[in-house]
PDB file of all heavy atoms in Angstrom:
ATOM      1  N   SER A   1       0.289  11.075   8.795  1.00  0.00           N
ATOM      2  CA  SER A   1       1.116  12.210   8.386  1.00  0.00           C
ATOM      3  C   SER A   1       2.523  12.129   8.974  1.00  0.00           C
ATOM      4  O   SER A   1       3.428  12.809   8.495  1.00  0.00           O
ATOM      5  CB  SER A   1       0.447  13.523   8.795  1.00  0.00           C
ATOM      6  OG  SER A   1       0.270  13.563  10.201  1.00  0.00           O
ATOM      7  N   VAL A   2       2.715  11.286  10.003  1.00  0.00           N
ATOM      8  CA  VAL A   2       4.048  11.099  10.588  1.00  0.00           C
ATOM      9  C   VAL A   2       4.603   9.713  10.245  1.00  0.00           C
ATOM     10  O   VAL A   2       5.463   9.194  10.925  1.00  0.00           O
ATOM     11  CB  VAL A   2       4.036  11.331  12.116  1.00  0.00           C
ATOM     12  CG1 VAL A   2       3.745  12.797  12.412  1.00  0.00           C
ATOM     13  CG2 VAL A   2       3.037  10.420  12.816  1.00  0.00           C
ATOM     14  N   TYR A   3       4.056   9.128   9.201  1.00  0.00           N
ATOM     15  CA  TYR A   3       4.589   7.926   8.565  1.00  0.00           C
ATOM     16  C   TYR A   3       4.383   6.638   9.354  1.00  0.00           C
ATOM     17  O   TYR A   3       5.032   5.628   9.068  1.00  0.00           O
ATOM     18  CB  TYR A   3       6.073   8.099   8.206  1.00  0.00           C
ATOM     19  CG  TYR A   3       6.317   9.265   7.292  1.00  0.00           C
ATOM     20  CD1 TYR A   3       6.694  10.512   7.806  1.00  0.00           C
ATOM     21  CD2 TYR A   3       6.141   9.137   5.919  1.00  0.00           C
ATOM     22  CE1 TYR A   3       6.886  11.599   6.959  1.00  0.00           C
ATOM     23  CE2 TYR A   3       6.348  10.217   5.070  1.00  0.00           C
ATOM     24  CZ  TYR A   3       6.714  11.438   5.601  1.00  0.00           C
ATOM     25  OH  TYR A   3       6.903  12.507   4.763  1.00  0.00           O
ATOM     26  N   THR A   4       3.483   6.641  10.311  1.00  0.00           N
ATOM     27  CA  THR A   4       3.087   5.386  10.939  1.00  0.00           C
ATOM     28  C   THR A   4       2.229   4.598   9.957  1.00  0.00           C
ATOM     29  O   THR A   4       1.351   5.174   9.311  1.00  0.00           O
ATOM     30  CB  THR A   4       2.292   5.650  12.226  1.00  0.00           C
ATOM     31  OG1 THR A   4       3.093   6.427  13.123  1.00  0.00           O
ATOM     32  CG2 THR A   4       1.901   4.338  12.890  1.00  0.00           C
ATOM     33  N   THR A   5       2.476   3.301   9.849  1.00  0.00           N
ATOM     34  CA  THR A   5       1.755   2.490   8.868  1.00  0.00           C
ATOM     35  C   THR A   5       0.975   1.363   9.536  1.00  0.00           C
ATOM     36  O   THR A   5       1.284   0.932  10.651  1.00  0.00           O
ATOM     37  CB  THR A   5       2.716   1.871   7.846  1.00  0.00           C
ATOM     38  OG1 THR A   5       3.674   1.057   8.521  1.00  0.00           O
ATOM     39  CG2 THR A   5       3.435   2.954   7.053  1.00  0.00           C
ATOM     40  N   LEU A   6      -0.044   0.894   8.800  1.00  0.00           N
ATOM     41  CA  LEU A   6      -0.866  -0.225   9.249  1.00  0.00           C
ATOM     42  C   LEU A   6      -1.289  -1.001   8.018  1.00  0.00           C
ATOM     43  O   LEU A   6      -1.631  -0.398   6.994  1.00  0.00           O
ATOM     44  CB  LEU A   6      -2.098   0.270  10.012  1.00  0.00           C
ATOM     45  CG  LEU A   6      -3.018  -0.804  10.583  1.00  0.00           C
ATOM     46  CD1 LEU A   6      -2.345  -1.507  11.734  1.00  0.00           C
ATOM     47  CD2 LEU A   6      -4.342  -0.197  11.040  1.00  0.00           C
ATOM     48  N   TYR A   7      -1.284  -2.330   8.117  1.00  0.00           N
ATOM     49  CA  TYR A   7      -1.657  -3.186   6.998  1.00  0.00           C
ATOM     50  C   TYR A   7      -2.697  -4.209   7.426  1.00  0.00           C
ATOM     51  O   TYR A   7      -2.675  -4.696   8.569  1.00  0.00           O
ATOM     52  CB  TYR A   7      -0.434  -3.940   6.466  1.00  0.00           C
ATOM     53  CG  TYR A   7       0.668  -3.051   5.943  1.00  0.00           C
ATOM     54  CD1 TYR A   7       1.685  -2.604   6.778  1.00  0.00           C
ATOM     55  CD2 TYR A   7       0.690  -2.669   4.607  1.00  0.00           C
ATOM     56  CE1 TYR A   7       2.690  -1.780   6.312  1.00  0.00           C
ATOM     57  CE2 TYR A   7       1.702  -1.846   4.119  1.00  0.00           C
ATOM     58  CZ  TYR A   7       2.691  -1.403   4.979  1.00  0.00           C
ATOM     59  OH  TYR A   7       3.687  -0.588   4.495  1.00  0.00           O
ATOM     60  N   VAL A   8      -3.564  -4.571   6.502  1.00  0.00           N
ATOM     61  CA  VAL A   8      -4.434  -5.701   6.744  1.00  0.00           C
ATOM     62  C   VAL A   8      -3.568  -6.958   6.743  1.00  0.00           C
ATOM     63  O   VAL A   8      -2.543  -7.023   6.052  1.00  0.00           O
ATOM     64  CB  VAL A   8      -5.545  -5.761   5.672  1.00  0.00           C
ATOM     65  CG1 VAL A   8      -4.984  -6.094   4.304  1.00  0.00           C
ATOM     66  CG2 VAL A   8      -6.638  -6.722   6.080  1.00  0.00           C
ATOM     67  N   ASP A   9      -3.942  -7.942   7.535  1.00  0.00           N
ATOM     68  CA  ASP A   9      -3.082  -9.127   7.719  1.00  0.00           C
ATOM     69  C   ASP A   9      -2.741  -9.814   6.397  1.00  0.00           C
ATOM     70  O   ASP A   9      -1.628 -10.322   6.229  1.00  0.00           O
ATOM     71  CB  ASP A   9      -3.758 -10.128   8.654  1.00  0.00           C
ATOM     72  CG  ASP A   9      -3.715  -9.706  10.107  1.00  0.00           C
ATOM     73  OD1 ASP A   9      -2.975  -8.760  10.435  1.00  0.00           O
ATOM     74  OD2 ASP A   9      -4.427 -10.321  10.922  1.00  0.00           O
ATOM     75  N   SER A  10      -3.664  -9.826   5.460  1.00  0.00           N
ATOM     76  CA  SER A  10      -3.463 -10.587   4.226  1.00  0.00           C
ATOM     77  C   SER A  10      -2.364 -10.009   3.332  1.00  0.00           C
ATOM     78  O   SER A  10      -1.908 -10.704   2.417  1.00  0.00           O
ATOM     79  CB  SER A  10      -4.770 -10.664   3.439  1.00  0.00           C
ATOM     80  OG  SER A  10      -5.231  -9.372   3.105  1.00  0.00           O
ATOM     81  N   VAL A  11      -1.931  -8.776   3.572  1.00  0.00           N
ATOM     82  CA  VAL A  11      -0.891  -8.180   2.722  1.00  0.00           C
ATOM     83  C   VAL A  11       0.393  -7.890   3.481  1.00  0.00           C
ATOM     84  O   VAL A  11       1.374  -7.436   2.881  1.00  0.00           O
ATOM     85  CB  VAL A  11      -1.389  -6.888   2.036  1.00  0.00           C
ATOM     86  CG1 VAL A  11      -2.705  -7.142   1.310  1.00  0.00           C
ATOM     87  CG2 VAL A  11      -1.519  -5.731   3.006  1.00  0.00           C
ATOM     88  N   LYS A  12       0.415  -8.128   4.777  1.00  0.00           N
ATOM     89  CA  LYS A  12       1.625  -7.869   5.571  1.00  0.00           C
ATOM     90  C   LYS A  12       2.809  -8.640   5.018  1.00  0.00           C
ATOM     91  O   LYS A  12       2.699  -9.820   4.705  1.00  0.00           O
ATOM     92  CB  LYS A  12       1.389  -8.254   7.033  1.00  0.00           C
ATOM     93  CG  LYS A  12       0.570  -7.260   7.818  1.00  0.00           C
ATOM     94  CD  LYS A  12       0.415  -7.714   9.265  1.00  0.00           C
ATOM     95  CE  LYS A  12      -0.425  -6.724  10.057  1.00  0.00           C
ATOM     96  NZ  LYS A  12      -0.653  -7.184  11.444  1.00  0.00           N
ATOM     97  N   GLY A  13       3.942  -7.940   4.907  1.00  0.00           N
ATOM     98  CA  GLY A  13       5.152  -8.560   4.385  1.00  0.00           C
ATOM     99  C   GLY A  13       5.227  -8.578   2.870  1.00  0.00           C
ATOM    100  O   GLY A  13       6.274  -8.909   2.305  1.00  0.00           O
ATOM    101  N   ARG A  14       4.134  -8.240   2.188  1.00  0.00           N
ATOM    102  CA  ARG A  14       4.110  -8.231   0.716  1.00  0.00           C
ATOM    103  C   ARG A  14       3.903  -6.827   0.152  1.00  0.00           C
ATOM    104  O   ARG A  14       4.462  -6.499  -0.895  1.00  0.00           O
ATOM    105  CB  ARG A  14       2.998  -9.150   0.199  1.00  0.00           C
ATOM    106  CG  ARG A  14       3.128 -10.589   0.633  1.00  0.00           C
ATOM    107  CD  ARG A  14       2.115 -11.484  -0.081  1.00  0.00           C
ATOM    108  NE  ARG A  14       0.734 -11.136   0.202  1.00  0.00           N
ATOM    109  CZ  ARG A  14      -0.158 -10.779  -0.737  1.00  0.00           C
ATOM    110  NH1 ARG A  14       0.196 -10.721  -2.005  1.00  0.00           N
ATOM    111  NH2 ARG A  14      -1.403 -10.492  -0.387  1.00  0.00           N
ATOM    112  N   PHE A  15       3.104  -6.027   0.810  1.00  0.00           N
ATOM    113  CA  PHE A  15       2.791  -4.673   0.337  1.00  0.00           C
ATOM    114  C   PHE A  15       3.482  -3.639   1.226  1.00  0.00           C
ATOM    115  O   PHE A  15       3.635  -3.843   2.437  1.00  0.00           O
ATOM    116  CB  PHE A  15       1.288  -4.413   0.394  1.00  0.00           C
ATOM    117  CG  PHE A  15       0.462  -5.172  -0.598  1.00  0.00           C
ATOM    118  CD1 PHE A  15       0.976  -6.214  -1.350  1.00  0.00           C
ATOM    119  CD2 PHE A  15      -0.884  -4.828  -0.776  1.00  0.00           C
ATOM    120  CE1 PHE A  15       0.201  -6.912  -2.264  1.00  0.00           C
ATOM    121  CE2 PHE A  15      -1.676  -5.509  -1.686  1.00  0.00           C
ATOM    122  CZ  PHE A  15      -1.137  -6.555  -2.418  1.00  0.00           C
ATOM    123  N   THR A  16       3.865  -2.526   0.617  1.00  0.00           N
ATOM    124  CA  THR A  16       4.462  -1.418   1.354  1.00  0.00           C
ATOM    125  C   THR A  16       3.815  -0.113   0.928  1.00  0.00           C
ATOM    126  O   THR A  16       3.818   0.229  -0.266  1.00  0.00           O
ATOM    127  CB  THR A  16       5.973  -1.332   1.109  1.00  0.00           C
ATOM    128  OG1 THR A  16       6.605  -2.564   1.478  1.00  0.00           O
ATOM    129  CG2 THR A  16       6.585  -0.202   1.924  1.00  0.00           C
ATOM    130  N   ILE A  17       3.252   0.610   1.880  1.00  0.00           N
ATOM    131  CA  ILE A  17       2.660   1.912   1.610  1.00  0.00           C
ATOM    132  C   ILE A  17       3.683   2.992   1.944  1.00  0.00           C
ATOM    133  O   ILE A  17       4.449   2.867   2.912  1.00  0.00           O
ATOM    134  CB  ILE A  17       1.358   2.113   2.426  1.00  0.00           C
ATOM    135  CG1 ILE A  17       0.626   3.378   1.986  1.00  0.00           C
ATOM    136  CG2 ILE A  17       1.625   2.109   3.918  1.00  0.00           C
ATOM    137  CD1 ILE A  17      -0.769   3.520   2.607  1.00  0.00           C
ATOM    138  N   SER A  18       3.699   4.040   1.136  1.00  0.00           N
ATOM    139  CA  SER A  18       4.597   5.157   1.394  1.00  0.00           C
ATOM    140  C   SER A  18       3.960   6.429   0.841  1.00  0.00           C
ATOM    141  O   SER A  18       2.956   6.371   0.129  1.00  0.00           O
ATOM    142  CB  SER A  18       5.979   4.920   0.758  1.00  0.00           C
ATOM    143  OG  SER A  18       5.868   4.777  -0.637  1.00  0.00           O
ATOM    144  N   ARG A  19       4.560   7.560   1.201  1.00  0.00           N
ATOM    145  CA  ARG A  19       4.016   8.831   0.753  1.00  0.00           C
ATOM    146  C   ARG A  19       5.141   9.812   0.487  1.00  0.00           C
ATOM    147  O   ARG A  19       6.204   9.740   1.120  1.00  0.00           O
ATOM    148  CB  ARG A  19       3.050   9.403   1.799  1.00  0.00           C
ATOM    149  CG  ARG A  19       3.690   9.731   3.136  1.00  0.00           C
ATOM    150  CD  ARG A  19       2.612  10.061   4.183  1.00  0.00           C
ATOM    151  NE  ARG A  19       1.880  11.269   3.826  1.00  0.00           N
ATOM    152  CZ  ARG A  19       0.666  11.574   4.331  1.00  0.00           C
ATOM    153  NH1 ARG A  19       0.075  10.745   5.182  1.00  0.00           N
ATOM    154  NH2 ARG A  19       0.061  12.676   3.958  1.00  0.00           N
ATOM    155  N   ASP A  20       4.890  10.722  -0.438  1.00  0.00           N
ATOM    156  CA  ASP A  20       5.823  11.794  -0.761  1.00  0.00           C
ATOM    157  C   ASP A  20       5.078  13.104  -0.549  1.00  0.00           C
ATOM    158  O   ASP A  20       4.226  13.476  -1.360  1.00  0.00           O
ATOM    159  CB  ASP A  20       6.309  11.653  -2.204  1.00  0.00           C
ATOM    160  CG  ASP A  20       7.361  12.683  -2.569  1.00  0.00           C
ATOM    161  OD1 ASP A  20       7.376  13.781  -1.987  1.00  0.00           O
ATOM    162  OD2 ASP A  20       8.164  12.398  -3.461  1.00  0.00           O
ATOM    163  N   ASN A  21       5.396  13.796   0.550  1.00  0.00           N
ATOM    164  CA  ASN A  21       4.672  15.013   0.889  1.00  0.00           C
ATOM    165  C   ASN A  21       5.104  16.217   0.045  1.00  0.00           C
ATOM    166  O   ASN A  21       4.484  17.279   0.139  1.00  0.00           O
ATOM    167  CB  ASN A  21       4.848  15.338   2.364  1.00  0.00           C
ATOM    168  CG  ASN A  21       4.007  14.441   3.258  1.00  0.00           C
ATOM    169  OD1 ASN A  21       3.141  13.721   2.774  1.00  0.00           O
ATOM    170  ND2 ASN A  21       4.266  14.479   4.548  1.00  0.00           N
ATOM    171  N   VAL A  22       6.143  16.066  -0.738  1.00  0.00           N
ATOM    172  CA  VAL A  22       6.536  17.127  -1.678  1.00  0.00           C
ATOM    173  C   VAL A  22       5.724  16.998  -2.969  1.00  0.00           C
ATOM    174  O   VAL A  22       5.209  17.984  -3.508  1.00  0.00           O
ATOM    175  CB  VAL A  22       8.047  17.076  -1.974  1.00  0.00           C
ATOM    176  CG1 VAL A  22       8.418  18.090  -3.057  1.00  0.00           C
ATOM    177  CG2 VAL A  22       8.842  17.316  -0.695  1.00  0.00           C
ATOM    178  N   GLU A  23       5.604  15.758  -3.438  1.00  0.00           N
ATOM    179  CA  GLU A  23       4.855  15.494  -4.668  1.00  0.00           C
ATOM    180  C   GLU A  23       3.374  15.239  -4.419  1.00  0.00           C
ATOM    181  O   GLU A  23       2.612  15.035  -5.360  1.00  0.00           O
ATOM    182  CB  GLU A  23       5.464  14.294  -5.393  1.00  0.00           C
ATOM    183  CG  GLU A  23       6.893  14.512  -5.861  1.00  0.00           C
ATOM    184  CD  GLU A  23       6.980  15.590  -6.935  1.00  0.00           C
ATOM    185  OE1 GLU A  23       6.005  15.745  -7.711  1.00  0.00           O
ATOM    186  OE2 GLU A  23       8.016  16.279  -6.979  1.00  0.00           O
ATOM    187  N   ASN A  24       2.948  15.239  -3.143  1.00  0.00           N
ATOM    188  CA  ASN A  24       1.535  14.969  -2.797  1.00  0.00           C
ATOM    189  C   ASN A  24       1.059  13.664  -3.414  1.00  0.00           C
ATOM    190  O   ASN A  24      -0.029  13.591  -4.017  1.00  0.00           O
ATOM    191  CB  ASN A  24       0.636  16.120  -3.241  1.00  0.00           C
ATOM    192  CG  ASN A  24       0.994  17.413  -2.559  1.00  0.00           C
ATOM    193  OD1 ASN A  24       1.332  17.437  -1.374  1.00  0.00           O
ATOM    194  ND2 ASN A  24       0.962  18.498  -3.305  1.00  0.00           N
ATOM    195  N   THR A  25       1.868  12.634  -3.264  1.00  0.00           N
ATOM    196  CA  THR A  25       1.575  11.353  -3.894  1.00  0.00           C
ATOM    197  C   THR A  25       1.675  10.225  -2.880  1.00  0.00           C
ATOM    198  O   THR A  25       2.603  10.183  -2.067  1.00  0.00           O
ATOM    199  CB  THR A  25       2.526  11.098  -5.070  1.00  0.00           C
ATOM    200  OG1 THR A  25       2.424  12.186  -6.003  1.00  0.00           O
ATOM    201  CG2 THR A  25       2.176   9.805  -5.784  1.00  0.00           C
ATOM    202  N   LEU A  26       0.728   9.339  -2.970  1.00  0.00           N
ATOM    203  CA  LEU A  26       0.682   8.133  -2.148  1.00  0.00           C
ATOM    204  C   LEU A  26       1.062   6.943  -3.024  1.00  0.00           C
ATOM    205  O   LEU A  26       0.686   6.888  -4.197  1.00  0.00           O
ATOM    206  CB  LEU A  26      -0.735   7.944  -1.592  1.00  0.00           C
ATOM    207  CG  LEU A  26      -0.983   6.800  -0.628  1.00  0.00           C
ATOM    208  CD1 LEU A  26      -0.319   7.085   0.717  1.00  0.00           C
ATOM    209  CD2 LEU A  26      -2.476   6.584  -0.447  1.00  0.00           C
ATOM    210  N   TYR A  27       1.813   6.006  -2.457  1.00  0.00           N
ATOM    211  CA  TYR A  27       2.270   4.846  -3.220  1.00  0.00           C
ATOM    212  C   TYR A  27       1.884   3.550  -2.521  1.00  0.00           C
ATOM    213  O   TYR A  27       1.698   3.504  -1.300  1.00  0.00           O
ATOM    214  CB  TYR A  27       3.801   4.872  -3.367  1.00  0.00           C
ATOM    215  CG  TYR A  27       4.336   6.088  -4.066  1.00  0.00           C
ATOM    216  CD1 TYR A  27       4.857   7.160  -3.344  1.00  0.00           C
ATOM    217  CD2 TYR A  27       4.325   6.176  -5.454  1.00  0.00           C
ATOM    218  CE1 TYR A  27       5.346   8.285  -3.982  1.00  0.00           C
ATOM    219  CE2 TYR A  27       4.818   7.300  -6.102  1.00  0.00           C
ATOM    220  CZ  TYR A  27       5.329   8.352  -5.359  1.00  0.00           C
ATOM    221  OH  TYR A  27       5.807   9.470  -6.005  1.00  0.00           O
ATOM    222  N   LEU A  28       1.790   2.492  -3.323  1.00  0.00           N
ATOM    223  CA  LEU A  28       1.619   1.154  -2.777  1.00  0.00           C
ATOM    224  C   LEU A  28       2.463   0.206  -3.625  1.00  0.00           C
ATOM    225  O   LEU A  28       2.152  -0.030  -4.786  1.00  0.00           O
ATOM    226  CB  LEU A  28       0.153   0.710  -2.787  1.00  0.00           C
ATOM    227  CG  LEU A  28      -0.109  -0.629  -2.100  1.00  0.00           C
ATOM    228  CD1 LEU A  28       0.121  -0.508  -0.592  1.00  0.00           C
ATOM    229  CD2 LEU A  28      -1.535  -1.111  -2.371  1.00  0.00           C
ATOM    230  N   GLN A  29       3.536  -0.297  -3.039  1.00  0.00           N
ATOM    231  CA  GLN A  29       4.365  -1.297  -3.691  1.00  0.00           C
ATOM    232  C   GLN A  29       3.822  -2.667  -3.326  1.00  0.00           C
ATOM    233  O   GLN A  29       3.727  -3.010  -2.149  1.00  0.00           O
ATOM    234  CB  GLN A  29       5.825  -1.168  -3.242  1.00  0.00           C
ATOM    235  CG  GLN A  29       6.747  -2.215  -3.836  1.00  0.00           C
ATOM    236  CD  GLN A  29       6.857  -2.109  -5.342  1.00  0.00           C
ATOM    237  OE1 GLN A  29       6.945  -1.012  -5.892  1.00  0.00           O
ATOM    238  NE2 GLN A  29       6.868  -3.250  -6.028  1.00  0.00           N
ATOM    239  N   MET A  30       3.465  -3.432  -4.344  1.00  0.00           N
ATOM    240  CA  MET A  30       2.849  -4.741  -4.126  1.00  0.00           C
ATOM    241  C   MET A  30       3.760  -5.817  -4.709  1.00  0.00           C
ATOM    242  O   MET A  30       3.998  -5.832  -5.919  1.00  0.00           O
ATOM    243  CB  MET A  30       1.478  -4.789  -4.795  1.00  0.00           C
ATOM    244  CG  MET A  30       0.552  -3.671  -4.346  1.00  0.00           C
ATOM    245  SD  MET A  30      -1.121  -3.841  -5.000  1.00  0.00           S
ATOM    246  CE  MET A  30      -0.807  -3.655  -6.749  1.00  0.00           C
ATOM    247  N   ASN A  31       4.253  -6.687  -3.855  1.00  0.00           N
ATOM    248  CA  ASN A  31       5.111  -7.791  -4.264  1.00  0.00           C
ATOM    249  C   ASN A  31       4.441  -9.128  -3.963  1.00  0.00           C
ATOM    250  O   ASN A  31       3.476  -9.189  -3.204  1.00  0.00           O
ATOM    251  CB  ASN A  31       6.448  -7.713  -3.531  1.00  0.00           C
ATOM    252  CG  ASN A  31       7.219  -6.448  -3.825  1.00  0.00           C
ATOM    253  OD1 ASN A  31       7.153  -5.901  -4.936  1.00  0.00           O
ATOM    254  ND2 ASN A  31       7.955  -5.959  -2.833  1.00  0.00           N
ATOM    255  N   SER A  32       4.961 -10.185  -4.560  1.00  0.00           N
ATOM    256  CA  SER A  32       4.433 -11.538  -4.329  1.00  0.00           C
ATOM    257  C   SER A  32       2.918 -11.568  -4.476  1.00  0.00           C
ATOM    258  O   SER A  32       2.201 -12.113  -3.624  1.00  0.00           O
ATOM    259  CB  SER A  32       4.842 -12.025  -2.931  1.00  0.00           C
ATOM    260  OG  SER A  32       6.240 -12.019  -2.791  1.00  0.00           O
ATOM    261  N   LEU A  33       2.432 -11.000  -5.547  1.00  0.00           N
ATOM    262  CA  LEU A  33       0.988 -10.873  -5.750  1.00  0.00           C
ATOM    263  C   LEU A  33       0.332 -12.230  -5.914  1.00  0.00           C
ATOM    264  O   LEU A  33       0.918 -13.179  -6.476  1.00  0.00           O
ATOM    265  CB  LEU A  33       0.714  -9.988  -6.954  1.00  0.00           C
ATOM    266  CG  LEU A  33       0.878  -8.492  -6.668  1.00  0.00           C
ATOM    267  CD1 LEU A  33       1.049  -7.700  -7.959  1.00  0.00           C
ATOM    268  CD2 LEU A  33      -0.317  -7.966  -5.883  1.00  0.00           C
ATOM    269  N   LYS A  34      -0.896 -12.311  -5.405  1.00  0.00           N
ATOM    270  CA  LYS A  34      -1.691 -13.527  -5.452  1.00  0.00           C
ATOM    271  C   LYS A  34      -2.987 -13.245  -6.211  1.00  0.00           C
ATOM    272  O   LYS A  34      -3.408 -12.094  -6.320  1.00  0.00           O
ATOM    273  CB  LYS A  34      -2.024 -13.984  -4.041  1.00  0.00           C
ATOM    274  CG  LYS A  34      -0.819 -14.188  -3.138  1.00  0.00           C
ATOM    275  CD  LYS A  34      -1.253 -14.544  -1.726  1.00  0.00           C
ATOM    276  CE  LYS A  34      -0.045 -14.731  -0.800  1.00  0.00           C
ATOM    277  NZ  LYS A  34      -0.481 -15.074   0.585  1.00  0.00           N
ATOM    278  N   SER A  35      -3.631 -14.296  -6.666  1.00  0.00           N
ATOM    279  CA  SER A  35      -4.883 -14.110  -7.407  1.00  0.00           C
ATOM    280  C   SER A  35      -5.927 -13.393  -6.554  1.00  0.00           C
ATOM    281  O   SER A  35      -6.731 -12.618  -7.073  1.00  0.00           O
ATOM    282  CB  SER A  35      -5.414 -15.462  -7.880  1.00  0.00           C
ATOM    283  OG  SER A  35      -5.612 -16.331  -6.775  1.00  0.00           O
ATOM    284  N   GLU A  36      -5.891 -13.624  -5.256  1.00  0.00           N
ATOM    285  CA  GLU A  36      -6.873 -12.980  -4.371  1.00  0.00           C
ATOM    286  C   GLU A  36      -6.615 -11.494  -4.178  1.00  0.00           C
ATOM    287  O   GLU A  36      -7.408 -10.804  -3.540  1.00  0.00           O
ATOM    288  CB  GLU A  36      -6.931 -13.684  -3.012  1.00  0.00           C
ATOM    289  CG  GLU A  36      -5.598 -13.866  -2.339  1.00  0.00           C
ATOM    290  CD  GLU A  36      -5.031 -15.266  -2.557  1.00  0.00           C
ATOM    291  OE1 GLU A  36      -5.086 -15.753  -3.708  1.00  0.00           O
ATOM    292  OE2 GLU A  36      -4.521 -15.849  -1.585  1.00  0.00           O
ATOM    293  N   ASP A  37      -5.510 -10.976  -4.701  1.00  0.00           N
ATOM    294  CA  ASP A  37      -5.265  -9.530  -4.677  1.00  0.00           C
ATOM    295  C   ASP A  37      -5.966  -8.817  -5.837  1.00  0.00           C
ATOM    296  O   ASP A  37      -5.956  -7.582  -5.897  1.00  0.00           O
ATOM    297  CB  ASP A  37      -3.770  -9.239  -4.759  1.00  0.00           C
ATOM    298  CG  ASP A  37      -3.002  -9.755  -3.554  1.00  0.00           C
ATOM    299  OD1 ASP A  37      -3.494  -9.590  -2.423  1.00  0.00           O
ATOM    300  OD2 ASP A  37      -1.913 -10.326  -3.750  1.00  0.00           O
ATOM    301  N   THR A  38      -6.560  -9.582  -6.739  1.00  0.00           N
ATOM    302  CA  THR A  38      -7.265  -8.987  -7.872  1.00  0.00           C
ATOM    303  C   THR A  38      -8.428  -8.132  -7.382  1.00  0.00           C
ATOM    304  O   THR A  38      -9.286  -8.603  -6.629  1.00  0.00           O
ATOM    305  CB  THR A  38      -7.789 -10.081  -8.811  1.00  0.00           C
ATOM    306  OG1 THR A  38      -6.673 -10.761  -9.386  1.00  0.00           O
ATOM    307  CG2 THR A  38      -8.657  -9.490  -9.906  1.00  0.00           C
ATOM    308  N   ALA A  39      -8.441  -6.862  -7.778  1.00  0.00           N
ATOM    309  CA  ALA A  39      -9.457  -5.918  -7.330  1.00  0.00           C
ATOM    310  C   ALA A  39      -9.216  -4.573  -7.994  1.00  0.00           C
ATOM    311  O   ALA A  39      -8.174  -4.365  -8.625  1.00  0.00           O
ATOM    312  CB  ALA A  39      -9.408  -5.749  -5.810  1.00  0.00           C
ATOM    313  N   VAL A  40     -10.169  -3.670  -7.826  1.00  0.00           N
ATOM    314  CA  VAL A  40      -9.935  -2.264  -8.135  1.00  0.00           C
ATOM    315  C   VAL A  40      -9.382  -1.615  -6.869  1.00  0.00           C
ATOM    316  O   VAL A  40      -9.974  -1.750  -5.795  1.00  0.00           O
ATOM    317  CB  VAL A  40     -11.219  -1.554  -8.590  1.00  0.00           C
ATOM    318  CG1 VAL A  40     -10.929  -0.079  -8.866  1.00  0.00           C
ATOM    319  CG2 VAL A  40     -11.794  -2.234  -9.817  1.00  0.00           C
ATOM    320  N   TYR A  41      -8.269  -0.935  -6.997  1.00  0.00           N
ATOM    321  CA  TYR A  41      -7.598  -0.304  -5.866  1.00  0.00           C
ATOM    322  C   TYR A  41      -7.860   1.190  -5.876  1.00  0.00           C
ATOM    323  O   TYR A  41      -7.753   1.848  -6.920  1.00  0.00           O
ATOM    324  CB  TYR A  41      -6.102  -0.584  -5.913  1.00  0.00           C
ATOM    325  CG  TYR A  41      -5.754  -1.982  -5.477  1.00  0.00           C
ATOM    326  CD1 TYR A  41      -6.067  -3.082  -6.269  1.00  0.00           C
ATOM    327  CD2 TYR A  41      -5.130  -2.226  -4.252  1.00  0.00           C
ATOM    328  CE1 TYR A  41      -5.783  -4.376  -5.861  1.00  0.00           C
ATOM    329  CE2 TYR A  41      -4.824  -3.513  -3.835  1.00  0.00           C
ATOM    330  CZ  TYR A  41      -5.159  -4.581  -4.650  1.00  0.00           C
ATOM    331  OH  TYR A  41      -4.866  -5.860  -4.237  1.00  0.00           O
ATOM    332  N   TYR A  42      -8.193   1.709  -4.695  1.00  0.00           N
ATOM    333  CA  TYR A  42      -8.511   3.129  -4.521  1.00  0.00           C
ATOM    334  C   TYR A  42      -7.652   3.723  -3.410  1.00  0.00           C
ATOM    335  O   TYR A  42      -7.296   3.027  -2.450  1.00  0.00           O
ATOM    336  CB  TYR A  42      -9.964   3.310  -4.097  1.00  0.00           C
ATOM    337  CG  TYR A  42     -10.995   2.741  -5.027  1.00  0.00           C
ATOM    338  CD1 TYR A  42     -11.404   1.417  -4.928  1.00  0.00           C
ATOM    339  CD2 TYR A  42     -11.597   3.544  -6.001  1.00  0.00           C
ATOM    340  CE1 TYR A  42     -12.365   0.897  -5.770  1.00  0.00           C
ATOM    341  CE2 TYR A  42     -12.569   3.027  -6.849  1.00  0.00           C
ATOM    342  CZ  TYR A  42     -12.945   1.707  -6.723  1.00  0.00           C
ATOM    343  OH  TYR A  42     -13.914   1.200  -7.564  1.00  0.00           O
ATOM    344  N   CYS A  43      -7.375   5.010  -3.525  1.00  0.00           N
ATOM    345  CA  CYS A  43      -6.805   5.711  -2.384  1.00  0.00           C
ATOM    346  C   CYS A  43      -7.857   6.681  -1.842  1.00  0.00           C
ATOM    347  O   CYS A  43      -8.771   7.099  -2.536  1.00  0.00           O
ATOM    348  CB  CYS A  43      -5.530   6.452  -2.751  1.00  0.00           C
ATOM    349  SG  CYS A  43      -5.750   7.900  -3.794  1.00  0.00           S
ATOM    350  N   CYS A  44      -7.722   6.988  -0.570  1.00  0.00           N
ATOM    351  CA  CYS A  44      -8.643   7.882   0.102  1.00  0.00           C
ATOM    352  C   CYS A  44      -7.997   8.294   1.404  1.00  0.00           C
ATOM    353  O   CYS A  44      -6.954   7.760   1.793  1.00  0.00           O
ATOM    354  CB  CYS A  44      -9.976   7.170   0.363  1.00  0.00           C
ATOM    355  SG  CYS A  44     -11.333   8.260   0.843  1.00  0.00           S
TER     356      CYS A  44
END
């Protein structure tokens, strides 16, 4: 809630998580995607 972030090692430097507390929305910007990133993505 105070914008501290943590990433799994395999996505560090490629993915960026962010949040908008006005719009109640969570984001994930994914760059330099690899075949091993293929999956169903969920928020929780």
